[in-house]
Amino acid sequence: MDGKSKYSGMTVNERLYLSGLIDKYYEAVRGKDIDAVISILKAVDLGDDNIRANLKFGGLINDDD
Protein backbone atom coordinates (compact mmCIF):
# COMPACT_ATOMS: atom_id res chain seq x y z
CA MET A 1 0.00 0.00 0.00
CA ASP A 2 1.32 3.46 -0.82
CA GLY A 3 0.05 5.15 2.35
CA LYS A 4 -2.89 6.86 0.61
CA SER A 5 -6.38 6.39 1.94
CA LYS A 6 -8.76 4.38 -0.19
CA TYR A 7 -11.05 7.41 0.17
CA SER A 8 -8.61 9.92 -1.34
CA GLY A 9 -10.32 12.37 -3.67
CA MET A 10 -13.83 11.53 -2.45
CA THR A 11 -16.37 13.80 -0.86
CA VAL A 12 -17.57 13.06 2.66
CA ASN A 13 -20.86 11.67 1.33
CA GLU A 14 -19.03 9.44 -1.14
CA ARG A 15 -16.86 8.12 1.68
CA LEU A 16 -19.87 7.49 3.90
CA TYR A 17 -21.80 5.76 1.13
CA LEU A 18 -18.90 3.55 0.06
CA SER A 19 -18.17 2.56 3.66
CA GLY A 20 -21.82 1.71 4.38
CA LEU A 21 -21.90 4.26 7.21
CA ILE A 22 -24.09 6.91 5.62
CA ASP A 23 -27.29 5.94 7.45
CA LYS A 24 -25.51 5.70 10.81
CA TYR A 25 -23.90 9.08 10.17
CA TYR A 26 -27.17 10.87 9.45
CA GLU A 27 -28.83 9.12 12.40
CA ALA A 28 -26.02 10.37 14.66
CA VAL A 29 -26.35 13.90 13.24
CA ARG A 30 -30.13 13.90 13.79
CA GLY A 31 -29.58 12.67 17.35
CA LYS A 32 -26.83 15.27 17.89
CA ASP A 33 -24.49 12.45 18.98
CA ILE A 34 -21.21 14.28 18.44
CA ASP A 35 -19.06 11.38 19.65
CA ALA A 36 -20.70 9.01 17.16
CA VAL A 37 -20.35 11.53 14.32
CA ILE A 38 -16.65 11.98 15.07
CA SER A 39 -16.11 8.22 15.25
CA ILE A 40 -17.84 7.67 11.91
CA LEU A 41 -15.91 10.48 10.20
CA LYS A 42 -12.62 9.10 11.53
CA ALA A 43 -13.60 5.68 10.17
CA VAL A 44 -13.68 7.19 6.68
CA ASP A 45 -10.25 8.78 7.16
CA LEU A 46 -11.38 12.37 7.61
CA GLY A 47 -8.81 14.58 9.33
CA ASP A 48 -9.42 16.58 12.48
CA ASP A 49 -9.78 19.93 10.67
CA ASN A 50 -12.33 18.47 8.26
CA ILE A 51 -14.20 16.78 11.09
CA ARG A 52 -14.45 20.09 12.94
CA ALA A 53 -15.67 21.84 9.78
CA ASN A 54 -18.24 19.10 9.26
CA LEU A 55 -19.50 19.46 12.85
CA LYS A 56 -19.82 23.22 12.40
CA PHE A 57 -21.61 22.86 9.07
CA GLY A 58 -24.03 20.36 10.62
CA GLY A 59 -24.78 22.75 13.47
CA LEU A 60 -23.37 20.37 16.08
CA ILE A 61 -20.77 22.84 17.33
CA ASN A 62 -20.21 26.55 16.93
CA ASP A 63 -17.08 28.68 16.62
CA ASP A 64 -16.75 28.89 20.40
CA ASP A 65 -16.46 25.09 20.84
C-alpha atoms as a PDB file:
ATOM      1  CA  MET A   1       0.000   0.000   0.000  1.00  0.00           C
ATOM      2  CA  ASP A   2       1.322   3.458  -0.821  1.00  0.00           C
ATOM      3  CA  GLY A   3       0.052   5.154   2.354  1.00  0.00           C
ATOM      4  CA  LYS A   4      -2.886   6.855   0.615  1.00  0.00           C
ATOM      5  CA  SER A   5      -6.376   6.394   1.944  1.00  0.00           C
ATOM      6  CA  LYS A   6      -8.763   4.378  -0.186  1.00  0.00           C
ATOM      7  CA  TYR A   7     -11.047   7.410   0.172  1.00  0.00           C
ATOM      8  CA  SER A   8      -8.611   9.923  -1.337  1.00  0.00           C
ATOM      9  CA  GLY A   9     -10.316  12.369  -3.671  1.00  0.00           C
ATOM     10  CA  MET A  10     -13.826  11.525  -2.454  1.00  0.00           C
ATOM     11  CA  THR A  11     -16.370  13.798  -0.863  1.00  0.00           C
ATOM     12  CA  VAL A  12     -17.572  13.060   2.657  1.00  0.00           C
ATOM     13  CA  ASN A  13     -20.862  11.674   1.330  1.00  0.00           C
ATOM     14  CA  GLU A  14     -19.028   9.442  -1.138  1.00  0.00           C
ATOM     15  CA  ARG A  15     -16.857   8.115   1.675  1.00  0.00           C
ATOM     16  CA  LEU A  16     -19.874   7.493   3.899  1.00  0.00           C
ATOM     17  CA  TYR A  17     -21.803   5.756   1.131  1.00  0.00           C
ATOM     18  CA  LEU A  18     -18.901   3.553   0.058  1.00  0.00           C
ATOM     19  CA  SER A  19     -18.175   2.558   3.663  1.00  0.00           C
ATOM     20  CA  GLY A  20     -21.822   1.710   4.381  1.00  0.00           C
ATOM     21  CA  LEU A  21     -21.904   4.258   7.208  1.00  0.00           C
ATOM     22  CA  ILE A  22     -24.088   6.912   5.617  1.00  0.00           C
ATOM     23  CA  ASP A  23     -27.294   5.937   7.448  1.00  0.00           C
ATOM     24  CA  LYS A  24     -25.513   5.696  10.810  1.00  0.00           C
ATOM     25  CA  TYR A  25     -23.901   9.077  10.168  1.00  0.00           C
ATOM     26  CA  TYR A  26     -27.174  10.865   9.452  1.00  0.00           C
ATOM     27  CA  GLU A  27     -28.829   9.119  12.397  1.00  0.00           C
ATOM     28  CA  ALA A  28     -26.016  10.368  14.663  1.00  0.00           C
ATOM     29  CA  VAL A  29     -26.355  13.905  13.243  1.00  0.00           C
ATOM     30  CA  ARG A  30     -30.131  13.897  13.787  1.00  0.00           C
ATOM     31  CA  GLY A  31     -29.576  12.670  17.346  1.00  0.00           C
ATOM     32  CA  LYS A  32     -26.833  15.266  17.893  1.00  0.00           C
ATOM     33  CA  ASP A  33     -24.491  12.453  18.977  1.00  0.00           C
ATOM     34  CA  ILE A  34     -21.206  14.283  18.438  1.00  0.00           C
ATOM     35  CA  ASP A  35     -19.057  11.381  19.646  1.00  0.00           C
ATOM     36  CA  ALA A  36     -20.697   9.009  17.158  1.00  0.00           C
ATOM     37  CA  VAL A  37     -20.353  11.530  14.318  1.00  0.00           C
ATOM     38  CA  ILE A  38     -16.650  11.975  15.074  1.00  0.00           C
ATOM     39  CA  SER A  39     -16.109   8.222  15.246  1.00  0.00           C
ATOM     40  CA  ILE A  40     -17.835   7.671  11.913  1.00  0.00           C
ATOM     41  CA  LEU A  41     -15.910  10.481  10.204  1.00  0.00           C
ATOM     42  CA  LYS A  42     -12.624   9.105  11.526  1.00  0.00           C
ATOM     43  CA  ALA A  43     -13.597   5.680  10.174  1.00  0.00           C
ATOM     44  CA  VAL A  44     -13.680   7.193   6.678  1.00  0.00           C
ATOM     45  CA  ASP A  45     -10.247   8.784   7.155  1.00  0.00           C
ATOM     46  CA  LEU A  46     -11.376  12.373   7.615  1.00  0.00           C
ATOM     47  CA  GLY A  47      -8.808  14.575   9.328  1.00  0.00           C
ATOM     48  CA  ASP A  48      -9.422  16.584  12.483  1.00  0.00           C
ATOM     49  CA  ASP A  49      -9.783  19.929  10.668  1.00  0.00           C
ATOM     50  CA  ASN A  50     -12.334  18.469   8.262  1.00  0.00           C
ATOM     51  CA  ILE A  51     -14.202  16.776  11.090  1.00  0.00           C
ATOM     52  CA  ARG A  52     -14.446  20.093  12.942  1.00  0.00           C
ATOM     53  CA  ALA A  53     -15.673  21.838   9.779  1.00  0.00           C
ATOM     54  CA  ASN A  54     -18.240  19.097   9.264  1.00  0.00           C
ATOM     55  CA  LEU A  55     -19.497  19.459  12.847  1.00  0.00           C
ATOM     56  CA  LYS A  56     -19.821  23.222  12.401  1.00  0.00           C
ATOM     57  CA  PHE A  57     -21.613  22.864   9.072  1.00  0.00           C
ATOM     58  CA  GLY A  58     -24.027  20.360  10.620  1.00  0.00           C
ATOM     59  CA  GLY A  59     -24.783  22.745  13.473  1.00  0.00           C
ATOM     60  CA  LEU A  60     -23.368  20.374  16.077  1.00  0.00           C
ATOM     61  CA  ILE A  61     -20.765  22.842  17.330  1.00  0.00           C
ATOM     62  CA  ASN A  62     -20.215  26.554  16.926  1.00  0.00           C
ATOM     63  CA  ASP A  63     -17.076  28.683  16.619  1.00  0.00           C
ATOM     64  CA  ASP A  64     -16.754  28.891  20.405  1.00  0.00           C
ATOM     65  CA  ASP A  65     -16.464  25.093  20.836  1.00  0.00           C
END
